[in-house]
Protein backbone atom coordinates (compact mmCIF):
# COMPACT_ATOMS: atom_id res chain seq x y z
CA MET A 1 90.32 134.34 81.44
CA SER A 2 90.82 135.77 84.97
CA GLU A 3 93.22 138.39 83.57
CA ALA A 4 90.48 139.71 81.31
CA LEU A 5 88.08 140.03 84.27
CA GLU A 6 90.67 141.86 86.36
CA ALA A 7 91.32 144.31 83.53
CA GLU A 8 87.61 145.17 83.30
CA GLN A 9 87.24 145.94 87.02
CA LYS A 10 87.36 149.68 87.81
CA THR A 11 89.60 150.89 90.61
CA ASN A 12 90.09 154.13 92.49
CA PRO A 13 93.46 155.97 92.49
CA GLN A 14 94.67 153.87 95.45
CA GLY A 15 94.01 150.65 93.51
CA ASP A 16 90.95 149.55 95.51
CA PRO A 17 88.04 148.10 93.52
CA ILE A 18 85.08 150.45 93.07
CA THR A 19 81.93 148.78 94.39
CA SER A 20 79.50 151.72 94.52
CA VAL A 21 76.60 151.97 92.14
CA ALA A 22 76.03 155.03 90.00
CA ALA A 23 73.23 157.33 91.10
CA PRO A 24 69.96 156.78 89.27
CA LYS A 25 69.44 159.10 86.33
CA PRO A 26 66.62 161.65 86.58
CA THR A 27 63.42 160.96 84.69
CA GLU A 28 62.92 162.30 81.18
CA THR A 29 61.39 165.52 82.48
CA GLY A 30 64.37 166.05 84.78
CA ALA A 31 62.22 166.34 87.92
CA ARG A 32 62.62 164.07 90.94
CA LYS A 33 59.61 162.49 92.62
CA ASP A 34 58.68 164.37 95.79
CA PRO A 35 58.48 161.86 98.69
CA HIS A 36 56.07 164.16 100.53
CA ALA A 37 53.70 164.80 97.61
CA GLU A 38 50.83 162.83 99.16
CA ALA A 39 51.12 164.67 102.48
CA LYS A 40 51.12 168.03 100.70
CA ARG A 41 47.85 167.16 98.97
CA GLN A 42 46.17 166.61 102.34
CA LYS A 43 43.31 169.02 102.93
CA ILE A 44 41.67 170.20 106.12
CA VAL A 45 38.00 169.25 106.41
CA SER A 46 35.32 170.05 108.95
CA PRO A 47 34.14 167.55 111.57
CA GLU A 48 30.71 167.65 109.96
CA TYR A 49 32.21 166.34 106.73
CA LEU A 50 34.03 163.56 108.58
CA PHE A 51 30.96 162.48 110.56
CA LEU A 52 28.22 162.89 107.95
CA GLU A 53 29.59 162.97 104.40
CA ALA A 54 32.96 161.22 104.17
CA PRO A 55 33.00 157.82 102.45
CA ARG A 56 33.24 154.88 104.86
CA THR A 57 34.91 151.49 104.67
CA LYS A 58 34.86 148.83 107.38
CA GLU A 59 38.30 147.62 108.44
CA PHE A 60 39.76 145.78 111.42
CA ILE A 61 42.67 147.77 112.83
CA THR A 62 44.57 147.80 116.12
CA GLY A 63 44.52 150.65 118.61
CA SER A 64 47.98 151.74 117.47
CA GLU A 65 46.84 151.85 113.86
CA SER A 66 43.79 153.92 114.82
CA ALA A 67 46.06 156.35 116.71
CA LYS A 68 48.29 156.58 113.62
CA GLU A 69 45.28 157.40 111.45
CA ALA A 70 44.07 160.03 113.94
CA VAL A 71 47.50 161.69 114.00
CA ARG A 72 47.70 161.58 110.20
CA ARG A 73 44.38 163.41 109.95
CA SER A 74 45.11 165.99 112.66
CA ASN A 75 48.15 167.77 111.15
CA VAL A 76 50.47 167.20 114.13
CA ASP A 77 53.53 169.45 114.19
CA LEU A 78 55.56 167.73 116.93
CA ALA A 79 55.61 164.13 118.18
CA ILE A 80 58.05 162.98 120.83
CA ALA A 81 58.48 159.30 121.66
CA TYR A 82 59.94 157.50 124.63
CA PRO A 83 59.68 153.72 124.29
CA ILE A 84 57.65 151.96 126.96
CA THR A 85 55.51 148.90 126.38
CA PRO A 86 52.75 148.82 125.06
CA GLN A 87 52.84 152.25 123.37
CA SER A 88 56.12 151.65 121.51
CA GLU A 89 54.22 150.34 118.48
CA THR A 90 52.10 153.50 118.36
CA MET A 91 55.08 155.83 118.33
CA GLN A 92 56.84 153.62 115.76
CA LEU A 93 53.82 154.12 113.48
CA ILE A 94 53.96 157.87 114.16
CA GLY A 95 57.61 157.71 113.03
CA VAL A 96 56.36 156.23 109.75
CA LEU A 97 54.07 159.25 109.40
CA TYR A 98 57.09 161.50 109.96
CA GLY A 99 58.87 159.73 107.12
CA GLU A 100 55.82 160.29 104.90
CA GLY A 101 55.72 164.00 105.76
CA TYR A 102 52.53 164.05 107.83
CA VAL A 103 54.34 164.95 111.09
CA LYS A 104 56.73 167.91 110.91
CA GLU A 105 59.09 167.08 113.80
CA TYR A 106 59.66 163.73 115.51
CA TYR A 107 62.32 162.56 117.90
CA ARG A 108 62.95 160.22 120.81
CA GLY A 109 63.05 161.86 124.22
CA GLU A 110 65.65 161.08 126.85
CA GLU A 111 63.15 160.07 129.56
CA GLU A 112 59.50 160.57 130.51
CA VAL A 113 59.90 163.84 132.45
CA GLY A 114 61.88 165.33 129.57
CA VAL A 115 59.27 164.22 127.03
CA MET A 116 56.44 165.81 129.00
CA ALA A 117 58.45 169.02 129.49
CA ALA A 118 59.23 169.13 125.75
CA MET A 119 55.53 168.65 125.01
CA ALA A 120 54.75 171.63 127.24
CA GLY A 121 57.43 173.72 125.52
CA GLY A 122 56.16 172.82 122.07
CA SER A 123 52.60 173.64 123.04
CA ARG A 124 53.67 177.00 124.48
CA ALA A 125 55.38 177.70 121.15
CA GLY A 126 52.06 177.17 119.39
CA VAL A 127 52.60 173.83 117.69
CA ARG A 128 50.24 170.83 117.71
CA CYS A 129 51.81 168.21 119.97
CA PHE A 130 51.32 164.46 120.35
CA THR A 131 52.92 161.85 122.58
CA ALA A 132 51.99 158.48 124.00
CA THR A 133 52.91 156.67 127.19
CA ALA A 134 51.79 153.81 129.42
CA GLY A 135 51.17 153.26 133.15
CA PRO A 136 54.74 153.52 134.54
CA GLY A 137 55.66 156.27 132.05
CA THR A 138 52.62 158.24 133.16
CA LEU A 139 53.79 158.10 136.77
CA ARG A 140 57.36 159.07 135.86
CA GLY A 141 56.19 161.98 133.68
CA LEU A 142 53.50 163.18 136.09
CA GLU A 143 55.52 166.20 137.19
CA GLY A 144 55.33 167.65 133.68
CA ILE A 145 51.83 166.39 132.95
CA SER A 146 50.38 168.01 136.07
CA SER A 147 51.37 171.49 134.81
CA TRP A 148 49.47 171.18 131.51
CA PRO A 149 45.95 172.00 132.76
CA GLY A 150 47.08 174.93 134.90
CA HIS A 151 48.90 176.47 131.95
CA ARG A 152 45.97 175.60 129.63
CA LEU A 153 48.22 173.76 127.20
CA PRO A 154 46.44 171.95 124.35
CA ILE A 155 48.43 168.70 124.18
CA VAL A 156 47.22 165.33 122.93
CA ALA A 157 48.65 162.41 124.89
CA MET A 158 47.69 158.79 124.38
CA PHE A 159 47.75 156.78 127.61
CA THR A 160 47.86 153.07 126.80
CA CYS A 161 46.82 150.45 129.30
CA ARG A 162 49.51 148.79 131.38
CA VAL A 163 49.46 147.73 135.00
CA VAL A 164 51.71 149.73 137.31
CA ASN A 165 52.35 147.65 140.42
CA ALA A 166 51.62 143.95 139.82
CA PRO A 167 54.59 141.54 139.93
CA PRO A 168 53.92 139.84 136.55
CA ASP A 169 53.78 143.07 134.51
CA ALA A 170 55.99 143.70 131.47
CA GLY A 171 59.01 145.06 133.34
CA PRO A 172 60.37 147.28 136.10
């Protein structure tokens, strides 16, 4: 019985068993499903439509989820994340939007000053920029942030609440 099973098992030229699965066959029409189809159907609407005419549903969502929805609706071109509690959840949700095609470019910065400098560079290049940070990250990135108003750079930054100098805060 075991000899029959061994004979049925496929092997590569070196004799190793083949464990990979064949690629899924295309649909009958031959076209693949576009993972960004929903994002491409997104349309730009006026604030008047959003405030006065758009259908409304009541939902309970967190601040991070509301930031995700705002970014999804604002056609952000560039989002740069640097993890610092409590904004890490927000930027994780923005990464989900990147995967869905709503954000064009998304990456993790090397540190807060670099993130804020990259935000300034992206804004100077003419793209819509978004980042988020918290208390200590704000202080560390202040060198870059302080240049934004003087250069008149339109950048959206979410500053989440976290204590800066109390001993029982979330970390160093």
